[in-house]
Amino acid sequence: MGHDISSYNIAGEEIGYVRFTMGDIVAPLFYDLFDANEYNAGVSGSGGVATLTLDRIENAMKKYHHFYGKDLSKKGKQDFHAWQQDEILKFIDSCLETAKKEGAIKVCFA
């Protein structure tokens, strides 16, 4: 079990993917970034799909930078935590880039 989260453009092409194990303490934070707690089923995503607007994704990016302190929090952390932060940032970046062109994206929280 785990959280498999994918984002899609209007054409239905996957533009981002991130995964958390069922016990990963960062998974709830990820849902918080997107104000998507209703899709968190605890050990996995609920299977629901959300349409996220550009504003909502920009908000997620602001929250990410506030929480992680623009790379400063990576100091002294294990490689896995730095990698995980980078994966979350890549996910948000791909969503942001696509939403700037298309106005919104779809995210499946499985």
Protein backbone atom coordinates (compact mmCIF):
# COMPACT_ATOMS: atom_id res chain seq x y z
CA MET A 1 0.00 0.00 0.00
CA GLY A 2 1.06 3.55 -0.58
CA HIS A 3 0.21 6.91 -2.06
CA ASP A 4 0.66 6.99 -5.85
CA ILE A 5 -0.11 10.50 -7.04
CA SER A 6 -0.12 11.41 -10.73
CA SER A 7 -0.88 14.66 -12.52
CA TYR A 8 -2.25 14.99 -16.06
CA ASN A 9 -2.61 17.68 -18.68
CA ILE A 10 -5.80 18.36 -20.66
CA ALA A 11 -4.86 15.69 -23.23
CA GLY A 12 -4.67 13.12 -20.43
CA GLU A 13 -0.88 12.72 -20.61
CA GLU A 14 0.91 12.14 -17.31
CA ILE A 15 3.04 15.15 -16.46
CA GLY A 16 4.07 14.29 -12.91
CA TYR A 17 4.27 11.41 -10.47
CA VAL A 18 5.23 11.07 -6.82
CA ARG A 19 4.95 8.11 -4.46
CA PHE A 20 4.91 7.77 -0.69
CA THR A 21 4.78 4.54 1.31
CA MET A 22 1.80 4.07 3.60
CA GLY A 23 3.84 5.00 6.68
CA ASP A 24 5.69 7.97 5.19
CA ILE A 25 5.24 10.97 7.46
CA VAL A 26 5.68 13.32 4.49
CA ALA A 27 2.54 12.03 2.70
CA PRO A 28 0.11 14.09 4.83
CA LEU A 29 2.27 17.17 4.22
CA PHE A 30 1.98 16.61 0.47
CA TYR A 31 -1.84 16.61 0.70
CA ASP A 32 -1.64 19.77 2.85
CA LEU A 33 0.43 21.54 0.18
CA PHE A 34 -2.44 21.17 -2.27
CA ASP A 35 -5.29 21.58 0.24
CA ALA A 36 -6.32 18.07 -0.78
CA ASN A 37 -6.71 16.30 2.56
CA GLU A 38 -10.05 14.83 1.49
CA TYR A 39 -8.08 12.60 -0.92
CA ASN A 40 -5.85 11.17 1.84
CA ALA A 41 -7.24 7.78 2.85
CA GLY A 42 -4.48 7.14 5.40
CA VAL A 43 -2.51 4.21 3.97
CA SER A 44 -3.07 5.40 0.39
CA GLY A 45 -4.87 8.00 -1.65
CA SER A 46 -8.65 7.73 -1.93
CA GLY A 47 -8.56 7.14 -5.68
CA GLY A 48 -10.22 10.48 -6.28
CA VAL A 49 -9.33 12.93 -9.01
CA ALA A 50 -9.09 16.68 -8.44
CA THR A 51 -8.90 19.49 -10.94
CA LEU A 52 -6.36 21.98 -9.62
CA THR A 53 -6.29 25.55 -10.88
CA LEU A 54 -3.18 27.63 -11.43
CA ASP A 55 -3.89 29.57 -8.22
CA ARG A 56 -4.05 26.39 -6.16
CA ILE A 57 -0.77 25.12 -7.60
CA GLU A 58 0.95 28.47 -7.02
CA ASN A 59 -0.26 28.26 -3.43
CA ALA A 60 1.23 24.76 -3.13
CA MET A 61 4.58 26.12 -4.33
CA LYS A 62 4.47 28.92 -1.76
CA LYS A 63 3.71 26.42 0.99
CA TYR A 64 6.53 24.17 -0.21
CA HIS A 65 9.06 27.00 -0.03
CA HIS A 66 7.76 28.11 3.34
CA PHE A 67 7.97 24.61 4.78
CA TYR A 68 11.29 23.57 3.25
CA GLY A 69 13.00 26.96 3.46
CA LYS A 70 14.27 27.07 -0.13
CA ASP A 71 16.79 24.21 0.11
CA LEU A 72 18.11 25.25 3.54
CA SER A 73 16.33 22.37 5.24
CA LYS A 74 18.37 19.86 3.23
CA LYS A 75 21.48 20.67 5.25
CA GLY A 76 22.29 17.81 7.58
CA LYS A 77 19.50 15.57 6.26
CA GLN A 78 19.98 12.12 4.85
CA ASP A 79 20.16 11.75 1.08
CA PHE A 80 16.69 10.20 0.95
CA HIS A 81 15.04 13.26 2.49
CA ALA A 82 16.82 15.60 0.08
CA TRP A 83 15.79 13.37 -2.83
CA GLN A 84 12.18 13.29 -1.60
CA GLN A 85 12.07 17.09 -1.35
CA ASP A 86 13.39 17.32 -4.91
CA GLU A 87 10.74 14.88 -6.17
CA ILE A 88 7.97 16.93 -4.55
CA LEU A 89 9.40 20.10 -6.09
CA LYS A 90 9.59 18.45 -9.54
CA PHE A 91 5.95 17.40 -9.21
CA ILE A 92 4.82 20.91 -8.30
CA ASP A 93 7.00 22.45 -11.04
CA SER A 94 5.52 20.21 -13.74
CA CYS A 95 2.00 21.02 -12.54
CA LEU A 96 2.77 24.73 -12.45
CA GLU A 97 4.29 24.75 -15.94
CA THR A 98 1.30 22.94 -17.42
CA ALA A 99 -1.31 24.98 -15.54
CA LYS A 100 0.29 28.20 -16.79
CA LYS A 101 -0.38 26.98 -20.35
CA GLU A 102 -3.70 25.21 -19.81
CA GLY A 103 -5.26 26.92 -16.77
CA ALA A 104 -5.58 23.75 -14.68
CA ILE A 105 -4.41 20.15 -14.32
CA LYS A 106 -5.95 16.95 -13.02
CA VAL A 107 -4.40 15.01 -10.14
CA CYS A 108 -5.24 11.42 -9.26
CA PHE A 109 -4.64 10.51 -5.62
CA ALA A 110 -4.44 6.69 -5.62
